[in-house]
Protein backbone atom coordinates (compact mmCIF):
# COMPACT_ATOMS: atom_id res chain seq x y z
CA MET A 1 33.77 108.47 23.15
CA ILE A 2 34.61 106.19 26.07
CA HIS A 3 38.27 106.28 27.11
CA GLY A 4 40.34 103.70 28.93
CA LEU A 5 42.20 104.20 32.18
CA LEU A 6 45.42 105.22 30.39
CA ASP A 7 45.98 107.63 27.55
CA GLU A 8 47.29 106.33 24.24
CA ARG A 9 50.96 106.96 24.99
CA ASP A 10 50.85 105.37 28.44
CA THR A 11 48.91 102.43 27.05
CA ASP A 12 51.66 101.75 24.53
CA VAL A 13 54.32 102.01 27.24
CA PHE A 14 52.39 99.74 29.60
CA ARG A 15 51.77 97.17 26.85
CA GLN A 16 55.50 96.96 26.24
CA ALA A 17 56.10 96.52 29.97
CA ILE A 18 53.72 93.56 30.24
CA ALA A 19 54.64 91.95 26.90
CA ASP A 20 56.24 88.97 28.69
CA TYR A 21 53.31 88.65 31.14
CA THR A 22 51.44 86.00 29.14
CA VAL A 23 49.33 82.93 29.81
CA ASP A 24 52.36 80.74 29.12
CA SER A 25 54.76 82.70 31.31
CA VAL A 26 52.29 82.76 34.21
CA ALA A 27 51.83 78.99 33.91
CA GLN A 28 55.60 78.55 33.90
CA MET A 29 56.11 80.73 36.97
CA LEU A 30 53.28 79.19 39.01
CA GLY A 31 53.75 75.60 37.92
CA PRO A 32 50.96 73.01 38.11
CA ARG A 33 50.47 73.33 41.87
CA GLY A 34 50.35 77.12 41.76
CA GLU A 35 47.88 77.12 38.88
CA ALA A 36 45.67 74.60 40.68
CA ALA A 37 45.77 76.76 43.82
CA LEU A 38 44.83 79.85 41.81
CA GLN A 39 41.90 78.01 40.21
CA ARG A 40 40.46 77.14 43.61
CA GLY A 41 40.98 80.65 45.00
CA ASP A 42 43.91 79.70 47.24
CA LEU A 43 46.03 82.79 46.70
CA SER A 44 48.50 81.92 49.46
CA GLY A 45 49.07 78.53 47.88
CA ALA A 46 49.72 80.16 44.51
CA ALA A 47 52.11 82.72 46.06
CA ARG A 48 54.20 79.94 47.65
CA GLU A 49 55.03 78.62 44.19
CA LEU A 50 56.61 81.91 43.09
CA SER A 51 60.33 81.63 43.76
CA GLY A 52 61.72 84.70 41.96
CA ASP A 53 61.29 88.46 42.00
CA GLY A 54 61.50 89.27 38.30
CA PRO A 55 58.99 91.46 36.45
CA VAL A 56 56.59 88.61 35.57
CA GLU A 57 56.52 87.32 39.17
CA THR A 58 55.94 90.87 40.39
CA LEU A 59 53.05 91.36 37.96
CA ILE A 60 51.51 88.09 39.14
CA ARG A 61 51.82 89.15 42.79
CA LEU A 62 50.42 92.59 42.08
CA PHE A 63 47.59 92.00 39.64
CA MET A 64 46.55 88.38 40.18
CA LEU A 65 47.23 87.70 43.85
CA GLY A 66 46.64 91.20 45.25
CA ASP A 67 49.91 91.25 47.21
CA SER A 68 51.89 94.36 48.04
CA VAL A 69 55.32 94.55 46.42
CA PRO A 70 58.33 96.78 47.07
CA VAL A 71 58.38 100.07 45.21
CA ALA A 72 61.56 99.16 43.34
CA ALA A 73 60.06 95.87 42.14
CA ALA A 74 56.87 97.64 41.01
CA ARG A 75 58.88 100.26 39.14
CA ALA A 76 60.86 97.54 37.35
CA ALA A 77 57.72 95.57 36.46
CA LEU A 78 55.90 98.60 35.06
CA GLY A 79 58.85 99.49 32.84
CA GLY A 80 58.56 102.95 31.33
CA LEU A 81 55.17 103.67 32.96
CA PRO A 82 55.89 105.99 35.89
CA LEU A 83 54.36 104.99 39.21
CA ASP A 84 52.54 108.30 39.53
CA ARG A 85 50.82 107.69 36.15
CA ALA A 86 49.81 104.19 37.25
CA ARG A 87 48.46 105.68 40.50
CA SER A 88 46.42 108.37 38.75
CA ALA A 89 45.01 105.76 36.36
CA GLY A 90 43.74 103.73 39.32
CA LEU A 91 45.99 100.74 38.59
CA ILE A 92 47.97 100.89 41.86
CA ALA A 93 48.09 102.61 45.24
CA ASP A 94 50.69 102.97 47.98
CA SER A 95 50.67 100.43 50.79
CA ASP A 96 52.61 99.87 54.01
CA ALA A 97 54.83 97.36 52.19
CA GLY A 98 55.28 99.47 49.06
CA VAL A 99 52.72 99.27 46.23
CA LYS A 100 49.51 97.27 45.78
CA ALA A 101 47.19 96.87 42.79
CA LEU A 102 43.66 98.24 42.78
CA LEU A 103 42.52 96.22 39.76
CA ASP A 104 42.93 92.74 38.34
CA LEU A 105 45.02 92.56 35.17
CA ARG A 106 45.65 89.15 33.71
CA PRO A 107 46.79 87.68 30.43
CA TYR A 108 44.25 85.85 28.33
CA ALA A 109 44.85 83.92 25.12
CA GLN A 110 42.88 82.40 22.28
CA ALA A 111 44.03 80.21 19.44
CA GLY A 112 43.75 81.80 16.02
CA HIS A 113 40.62 81.54 13.90
CA GLU A 114 40.50 80.67 10.22
CA GLY A 115 44.27 80.53 9.87
CA SER A 116 44.97 83.71 11.84
CA PRO A 117 47.75 83.65 14.45
CA ALA A 118 47.09 83.05 18.13
CA ALA A 119 46.21 86.15 20.12
CA ASN A 120 47.71 87.30 23.42
CA TRP A 121 45.43 89.68 25.28
CA TRP A 122 45.20 91.39 28.68
CA VAL A 123 41.90 91.72 30.54
CA VAL A 124 41.26 94.48 33.07
CA SER A 125 38.61 93.97 35.77
CA ASP A 126 37.96 94.43 39.47
CA GLN A 127 39.62 92.22 42.03
CA GLY A 128 37.63 89.19 43.14
CA ALA A 129 36.28 88.60 46.62
CA GLU A 130 39.21 86.33 47.48
CA VAL A 131 41.61 89.27 46.89
CA ARG A 132 39.39 91.92 48.44
CA GLY A 133 38.69 89.83 51.53
CA ALA A 134 35.22 91.37 51.59
CA PRO A 135 31.94 91.28 49.64
CA LEU A 136 32.03 92.81 46.19
CA ALA A 137 31.05 96.39 45.46
CA ALA A 138 27.72 97.00 43.71
CA ASP A 139 29.48 98.25 40.57
CA HIS A 140 31.94 95.33 40.51
CA VAL A 141 33.28 94.50 37.04
CA LEU A 142 33.73 90.76 36.70
CA GLY A 143 36.86 89.30 35.14
CA VAL A 144 37.47 86.03 33.32
CA GLY A 145 35.11 83.43 34.78
CA ALA A 146 33.40 80.15 34.03
CA ALA A 147 30.35 81.79 32.45
CA SER A 148 32.37 84.01 30.11
CA LEU A 149 34.52 81.06 29.03
CA THR A 150 31.42 78.94 28.41
CA LEU A 151 29.94 81.59 26.13
CA ALA A 152 33.22 82.14 24.29
CA GLN A 153 33.59 78.41 23.64
CA ALA A 154 30.01 78.07 22.37
CA THR A 155 30.03 81.01 19.96
CA PRO A 156 30.57 80.06 16.29
CA ARG A 157 33.62 81.82 14.88
CA LEU A 158 32.43 82.33 11.32
CA PRO A 159 33.38 85.53 9.47
CA ALA A 160 30.94 88.30 10.37
CA GLY A 161 30.31 91.89 9.37
CA THR A 162 29.26 93.72 12.52
CA ALA A 163 29.05 91.83 15.80
CA VAL A 164 27.62 93.05 19.11
CA ASP A 165 28.60 92.11 22.66
CA VAL A 166 25.63 92.99 24.87
CA GLY A 167 26.65 93.60 28.49
CA THR A 168 30.34 93.47 27.68
CA GLY A 169 31.69 93.90 31.22
CA CYS A 170 35.48 93.78 30.97
CA GLY A 171 35.29 92.90 27.26
CA ILE A 172 36.08 89.18 27.04
CA GLN A 173 33.48 88.35 24.38
CA ALA A 174 34.40 91.44 22.38
CA LEU A 175 38.02 90.26 22.25
CA HIS A 176 36.92 87.03 20.60
CA LEU A 177 34.56 88.84 18.24
CA GLY A 178 37.44 91.04 17.14
CA MET A 179 39.12 87.95 15.69
CA HIS A 180 36.41 87.20 13.11
CA ALA A 181 34.13 90.26 12.77
CA ARG A 182 34.98 93.32 10.68
CA SER A 183 33.66 95.61 13.42
CA VAL A 184 32.58 95.15 17.03
CA ILE A 185 30.05 97.07 19.12
CA ALA A 186 30.15 96.52 22.89
CA THR A 187 27.42 97.79 25.21
CA ASP A 188 27.03 98.02 28.96
CA VAL A 189 24.86 99.88 31.44
CA SER A 190 27.89 100.37 33.72
CA ALA A 191 30.20 103.31 33.01
CA ARG A 192 32.87 101.59 35.10
CA ALA A 193 32.63 98.44 32.99
CA LEU A 194 32.94 100.42 29.78
CA ARG A 195 36.15 102.06 31.00
CA MET A 196 37.54 98.63 31.89
CA ALA A 197 36.51 97.30 28.48
CA ALA A 198 38.14 100.26 26.74
CA THR A 199 41.38 99.48 28.60
CA THR A 200 41.16 95.78 27.73
CA ALA A 201 40.69 96.69 24.07
CA ALA A 202 43.55 99.20 24.02
CA LEU A 203 46.06 96.91 25.74
CA SER A 204 45.04 94.06 23.41
CA GLU A 205 45.34 96.32 20.34
CA GLN A 206 41.70 96.10 19.35
CA SER A 207 39.20 98.87 18.64
CA TRP A 208 35.50 98.61 19.54
CA ASP A 209 32.53 100.94 19.34
CA LEU A 210 31.66 101.18 23.05
CA ARG A 211 28.11 102.31 23.84
CA ALA A 212 26.43 103.04 27.17
CA GLY A 213 22.96 101.71 27.77
CA SER A 214 20.90 98.79 28.99
CA LEU A 215 20.99 95.55 27.00
CA LEU A 216 19.90 96.21 23.38
CA ASP A 217 18.89 99.86 23.87
CA PRO A 218 22.12 101.24 22.32
CA VAL A 219 21.78 99.16 19.12
CA THR A 220 18.08 99.19 18.26
CA ASP A 221 18.79 101.22 15.11
CA GLY A 222 20.91 98.51 13.47
CA ARG A 223 20.86 94.95 12.14
CA PHE A 224 23.79 92.72 12.96
CA ASP A 225 25.30 89.42 11.85
CA LEU A 226 26.14 88.17 15.32
CA VAL A 227 25.01 89.18 18.80
CA VAL A 228 26.44 87.59 21.93
CA SER A 229 25.48 88.24 25.52
CA ASN A 230 26.40 87.13 29.01
CA PRO A 231 23.60 89.18 30.59
CA PRO A 232 22.85 89.83 34.29
CA PHE A 233 20.70 86.70 34.35
CA VAL A 234 20.50 85.89 38.07
CA VAL A 235 16.93 85.03 39.10
CA SER A 236 15.80 87.05 42.11
CA ASP A 237 13.14 89.50 43.29
CA GLY A 238 14.69 92.22 41.12
CA ALA A 239 15.40 94.52 44.04
CA GLY A 240 18.92 95.21 42.80
CA GLY A 241 22.38 94.21 43.94
CA TYR A 242 25.36 93.84 41.63
CA ASP A 243 25.66 95.36 38.17
CA TYR A 244 27.38 92.30 36.70
CA ARG A 245 24.66 89.82 37.65
CA ASP A 246 21.45 91.58 38.78
CA SER A 247 19.25 93.22 36.17
CA GLY A 248 16.73 94.88 38.49
CA MET A 249 13.98 92.82 36.82
CA ALA A 250 12.14 90.18 38.81
CA GLY A 251 12.49 86.48 38.09
CA ASP A 252 13.81 85.55 34.65
CA ALA A 253 12.30 88.63 32.99
CA VAL A 254 15.65 89.97 31.79
CA CYS A 255 16.35 86.80 29.79
CA ALA A 256 12.80 86.73 28.45
CA SER A 257 13.03 90.37 27.36
CA LEU A 258 16.42 89.92 25.72
CA VAL A 259 15.35 86.82 23.78
CA GLN A 260 12.15 88.49 22.62
CA ARG A 261 13.99 91.59 21.41
CA LEU A 262 16.99 89.92 19.78
CA PRO A 263 15.26 88.98 16.50
CA GLY A 264 14.65 92.68 15.89
CA VAL A 265 18.39 93.46 15.72
CA LEU A 266 19.53 90.40 13.76
CA ALA A 267 20.31 90.75 10.07
CA GLU A 268 18.94 88.17 7.66
CA GLY A 269 20.65 84.90 8.55
CA GLY A 270 22.11 86.48 11.70
CA THR A 271 22.88 84.54 14.87
CA ALA A 272 22.48 85.34 18.55
CA GLN A 273 24.24 83.42 21.33
CA LEU A 274 23.49 84.04 24.98
CA LEU A 275 23.65 82.52 28.42
CA ALA A 276 20.40 82.44 30.35
CA ASN A 277 18.77 81.29 33.57
CA TRP A 278 15.07 80.47 33.76
CA ILE A 279 12.51 79.59 36.36
CA ILE A 280 11.40 75.98 36.55
CA PRO A 281 7.88 76.52 37.87
CA ALA A 282 6.11 74.30 40.33
CA ASP A 283 3.00 74.23 38.13
CA GLY A 284 4.31 73.41 34.65
CA PRO A 285 7.24 72.39 32.43
CA TRP A 286 10.14 74.77 31.98
CA GLN A 287 10.19 74.01 28.25
CA ASP A 288 6.81 75.72 27.78
CA ARG A 289 8.05 78.79 29.63
CA VAL A 290 11.15 79.23 27.47
CA ALA A 291 9.29 78.32 24.28
CA GLY A 292 7.02 81.28 24.94
CA TRP A 293 10.02 83.61 24.70
CA VAL A 294 10.95 82.37 21.23
CA ALA A 295 7.78 81.27 19.45
CA GLY A 296 6.52 83.42 16.60
CA ARG A 297 9.55 85.70 16.36
CA GLY A 298 11.01 84.55 13.05
CA CYS A 299 13.98 82.71 14.51
CA ASP A 300 15.07 79.11 14.71
CA ALA A 301 16.18 78.32 18.25
CA TRP A 302 18.17 75.70 20.11
CA VAL A 303 17.93 75.87 23.90
CA TRP A 304 20.26 73.85 26.14
CA GLN A 305 19.56 73.30 29.80
CA ARG A 306 22.99 72.45 31.17
CA GLU A 307 22.26 72.41 34.91
CA ILE A 308 19.39 72.54 37.37
CA ALA A 309 19.72 74.06 40.84
CA ASP A 310 17.22 73.88 43.67
CA PRO A 311 16.45 77.24 45.32
CA GLY A 312 18.76 76.77 48.30
CA GLU A 313 21.65 75.64 46.13
CA TYR A 314 21.13 78.55 43.74
CA VAL A 315 21.00 81.20 46.46
CA ALA A 316 24.11 79.85 48.19
CA LEU A 317 25.96 79.81 44.85
CA TRP A 318 25.36 83.49 44.19
CA LEU A 319 25.91 84.63 47.77
CA ARG A 320 29.33 82.95 47.71
CA ASP A 321 30.01 84.44 44.29
CA ALA A 322 29.59 87.91 45.79
CA GLY A 323 31.95 87.14 48.67
CA GLU A 324 29.33 86.75 51.39
CA GLN A 325 30.42 84.65 54.36
CA PRO A 326 28.23 81.64 55.26
CA GLY A 327 26.91 81.91 58.77
CA SER A 328 27.18 85.69 59.01
CA SER A 329 24.08 87.69 59.88
CA ARG A 330 24.18 89.29 56.44
CA TRP A 331 24.30 85.84 54.76
CA ARG A 332 21.38 84.53 56.84
CA SER A 333 19.25 87.58 56.17
CA ARG A 334 19.80 87.55 52.40
CA TYR A 335 19.48 83.78 52.18
CA GLN A 336 16.10 83.71 53.94
CA ALA A 337 14.68 86.68 52.02
CA TRP A 338 15.71 85.17 48.68
CA LEU A 339 14.21 81.77 49.48
CA ASP A 340 11.00 83.40 50.74
CA TRP A 341 10.65 85.16 47.39
CA PHE A 342 11.23 81.90 45.48
CA ALA A 343 8.52 80.21 47.54
CA ALA A 344 6.05 83.04 46.98
CA ALA A 345 6.79 83.08 43.23
CA GLY A 346 6.24 79.33 42.85
CA VAL A 347 9.85 78.61 41.85
CA ALA A 348 10.61 74.88 42.11
CA ALA A 349 14.13 75.15 40.68
CA ILE A 350 16.27 77.24 38.35
CA GLY A 351 17.56 76.09 34.98
CA MET A 352 20.90 77.32 33.70
CA GLY A 353 21.94 77.08 30.09
CA MET A 354 22.37 78.55 26.64
CA ILE A 355 20.09 79.88 23.91
CA THR A 356 21.07 80.10 20.24
CA LEU A 357 18.90 81.95 17.72
CA TRP A 358 19.16 81.98 13.94
CA ARG A 359 17.03 84.55 12.13
CA SER A 360 15.17 82.58 9.45
CA ASP A 361 11.95 84.55 8.84
CA GLY A 362 10.40 81.20 7.90
CA ASP A 363 6.77 80.26 8.30
CA ASP A 364 7.66 77.28 10.49
CA PRO A 365 10.69 78.11 12.67
CA LEU A 366 12.63 75.31 14.30
CA LEU A 367 12.44 75.13 18.08
CA VAL A 368 14.44 72.50 19.96
CA ILE A 369 14.52 72.73 23.75
CA GLU A 370 16.38 69.98 25.56
CA ASP A 371 18.63 68.99 28.43
CA VAL A 372 22.30 68.90 27.47
CA PRO A 373 24.04 67.74 30.66
CA GLN A 374 26.95 65.85 29.09
CA ARG A 375 30.54 66.99 28.85
CA LEU A 376 31.05 68.61 25.44
CA GLU A 377 34.04 68.92 23.17
CA GLN A 378 35.47 72.41 23.51
CA PRO A 379 35.24 74.77 21.83
CA ILE A 380 31.80 73.55 20.79
CA GLY A 381 30.78 76.64 18.80
CA ALA A 382 32.07 75.32 15.48
CA HIS A 383 29.49 72.50 15.61
CA LEU A 384 26.40 74.68 16.11
CA PRO A 385 26.04 75.82 12.48
CA GLU A 386 26.35 72.17 11.43
CA TRP A 387 23.51 71.25 13.79
CA HIS A 388 21.36 74.02 12.34
CA ALA A 389 22.07 72.92 8.77
CA ARG A 390 21.10 69.33 9.61
CA GLN A 391 17.87 70.43 11.27
CA ARG A 392 16.95 72.59 8.30
CA TRP A 393 17.67 69.74 5.89
CA LEU A 394 15.53 67.36 7.92
CA ALA A 395 12.68 69.87 8.10
CA GLY A 396 12.49 69.98 4.31
CA CYS A 397 13.10 66.28 3.77
CA GLY A 398 10.07 64.02 3.35
CA ASP A 399 10.16 60.32 4.19
CA ALA A 400 10.59 59.27 0.56
CA GLU A 401 13.53 61.63 0.12
CA LEU A 402 15.08 60.41 3.37
CA LEU A 403 14.79 56.79 2.25
CA ALA A 404 16.50 57.71 -1.02
CA SER A 405 19.35 59.52 0.78
CA ARG A 406 22.78 57.99 1.14
CA LEU A 407 23.67 58.30 4.81
CA ALA A 408 26.85 57.20 6.51
CA PRO A 409 27.82 56.59 10.14
CA VAL A 410 29.92 59.42 11.53
CA ALA A 411 33.58 58.69 12.17
CA GLY A 412 34.31 57.68 15.75
CA LEU A 413 30.85 56.30 16.47
CA VAL A 414 30.95 53.84 19.38
CA ARG A 415 28.50 51.11 20.31
CA ASP A 416 28.50 50.13 24.00
CA ARG A 417 26.73 47.00 25.14
CA ALA A 418 25.95 46.10 28.74
CA GLU A 419 24.88 42.60 29.76
CA LEU A 420 23.18 41.37 32.92
CA LEU A 421 24.04 38.06 34.51
CA GLY A 422 20.99 35.92 35.16
CA ASP A 423 20.12 32.31 35.82
CA ASP A 424 20.68 31.47 32.16
CA GLY A 425 23.97 33.35 31.85
CA TRP A 426 24.66 36.76 30.35
CA ALA A 427 21.79 38.53 28.62
CA PRO A 428 21.80 41.90 26.77
CA ALA A 429 20.55 44.65 29.10
CA ARG A 430 21.40 47.94 27.40
CA THR A 431 22.86 49.07 24.08
CA THR A 432 23.93 52.65 23.38
CA LEU A 433 25.37 54.53 20.43
CA ARG A 434 27.88 57.08 21.58
CA GLN A 435 29.32 60.03 19.69
CA SER A 436 33.00 60.40 20.63
CA PHE A 437 33.37 64.09 19.72
CA ALA A 438 31.39 67.36 19.38
CA MET A 439 28.14 67.11 21.38
CA ARG A 440 29.03 63.60 22.61
CA TRP A 441 25.46 62.37 22.56
CA GLU A 442 24.79 58.95 24.03
CA LEU A 443 21.51 57.37 22.93
CA GLU A 444 20.02 54.10 24.06
CA THR A 445 19.10 51.88 21.13
CA ASP A 446 18.66 48.23 20.16
CA ASP A 447 20.27 45.68 17.89
CA ALA A 448 17.96 46.51 14.99
CA ILE A 449 18.92 50.19 14.89
CA SER A 450 22.58 49.33 15.47
CA ALA A 451 22.44 47.03 12.44
CA LEU A 452 20.71 49.72 10.37
CA VAL A 453 23.41 52.26 11.23
CA ALA A 454 26.16 49.80 10.34
CA GLY A 455 24.34 49.00 7.10
CA CYS A 456 24.55 52.62 6.03
CA ALA A 457 28.35 52.31 5.84
CA ALA A 458 27.99 50.51 2.48
CA GLY A 459 26.99 53.77 0.80
CA ALA A 460 23.63 52.54 -0.52
CA PRO A 461 20.41 54.58 -0.13
CA LEU A 462 18.80 54.25 3.31
CA GLU A 463 16.04 52.19 1.75
CA THR A 464 18.49 49.29 1.24
CA PRO A 465 19.36 48.63 4.93
CA VAL A 466 15.68 49.25 5.79
CA ARG A 467 14.69 46.44 3.39
CA LEU A 468 17.36 44.15 4.81
CA LEU A 469 16.10 44.87 8.32
CA ALA A 470 12.51 44.15 7.24
CA ASP A 471 13.60 40.80 5.82
CA ALA A 472 15.48 39.96 9.01
CA VAL A 473 12.51 40.62 11.29
CA GLY A 474 9.92 39.27 8.88
CA ARG A 475 7.81 42.44 8.68
CA PRO A 476 6.62 44.55 5.72
CA VAL A 477 9.07 47.18 4.50
CA ASP A 478 6.56 50.05 4.93
CA GLU A 479 5.90 49.01 8.53
CA VAL A 480 9.61 48.87 9.37
CA ALA A 481 10.26 52.18 7.63
CA GLN A 482 7.49 53.86 9.60
CA ALA A 483 9.05 52.56 12.82
CA VAL A 484 12.67 53.45 12.13
CA LEU A 485 12.50 56.77 10.26
CA PRO A 486 11.81 58.87 13.38
CA VAL A 487 14.85 57.28 14.99
CA VAL A 488 16.95 57.93 11.88
CA ARG A 489 15.86 61.57 11.90
CA ASP A 490 16.97 61.89 15.52
CA LEU A 491 20.33 60.27 14.76
CA VAL A 492 20.91 62.53 11.74
CA GLY A 493 19.84 65.62 13.68
CA ARG A 494 22.32 64.88 16.46
CA GLY A 495 25.10 64.25 13.97
């Protein structure tokens, strides 16, 4: 059994001490300027906005900003948890100015799911590079970050039996899973991460089955309803580095391996949700590369490419993430070696995105791989099962059945029209249909399709507006149907 940093009694005492240290109270103490400073890593700017010396302000200074605080203030903030117990647990250490924190502890909150109340949690992790003032340690345990929030927002929150968080780190995904799964398994290769996760769970009054091991190795004997993973996906030569981001496998092999193995641990109808990076090769499309990970494995898949980074941009991103200083000899050495490997491996760019799998065991699995660069409604996870249901319906729907279907424009659909001024006045230049919620697709179209969509609002079978359109353009109905049905399928599929 993996234990947290504090025993059960001290955990209860500490939880009571930090009960008022919440997302809302931190926002109130820092104010808008302090929160903005904290978001950009300006710890001094955030500290300037703290005007008091009460327990919440002290906890912010200690565990979020990395400041030393007087012993008396620390004792008051920790309540009934004696300082010597906090020291032995590795939470704090003595400093010239009194007491300083050795770890990051911050409140984290999530609105309730399916009518359940909102949750207030506390996440334990290592201090970031901006607090350390130095590059991260190899066994660094990452805290709440953009990637973890992205995955949490994209995961559907349907009721589940057993859910698995692969590569749990400090336990953020497991916290969310605990809101809608009967039981949660969390795995990690890092013993340090598992201890942090155990502490996160205990302080947040959740209980997880924590298992040591690489990726799916600790759960190969089971079948699960939901698997989520924010794996160590950074694309490099695989020579090692940081536990939280470097898998030790060259290129994008860790993501390929994880995707290929996931169907084997999914229960019938189970879902997997993971972040991934992939190589965009110089000699072929990235879609073919990722399709090879998924094809023939009994799962429907939807792959989003959210961003593309060129090699130099990608390397600089991850060197900064680890706290390396641009211009230093260490930065220059690592930067050049990384780019040399990219060049030798034929890497033109790196794609960053999300992969969702649904175990279907069908003879003809769905595979949609596309760029999704637009700003999405958050959390977006609730809309993914709807997308899958639409795709499955379309896959089994022949043209005759589609024409007989009663379709309706989605609420909030917007048509935008742009016109270009020419010698003869204004002329239509571009027409788009825009979805104002969920995936927020924006698709270029024409007046004929716009009219067809509007015609569906009458509630008649699709065949009726198709016939009206055929009459308007003076073409046979079958010819018009053949032209518009692929477009209709795309519009239905995108919601």
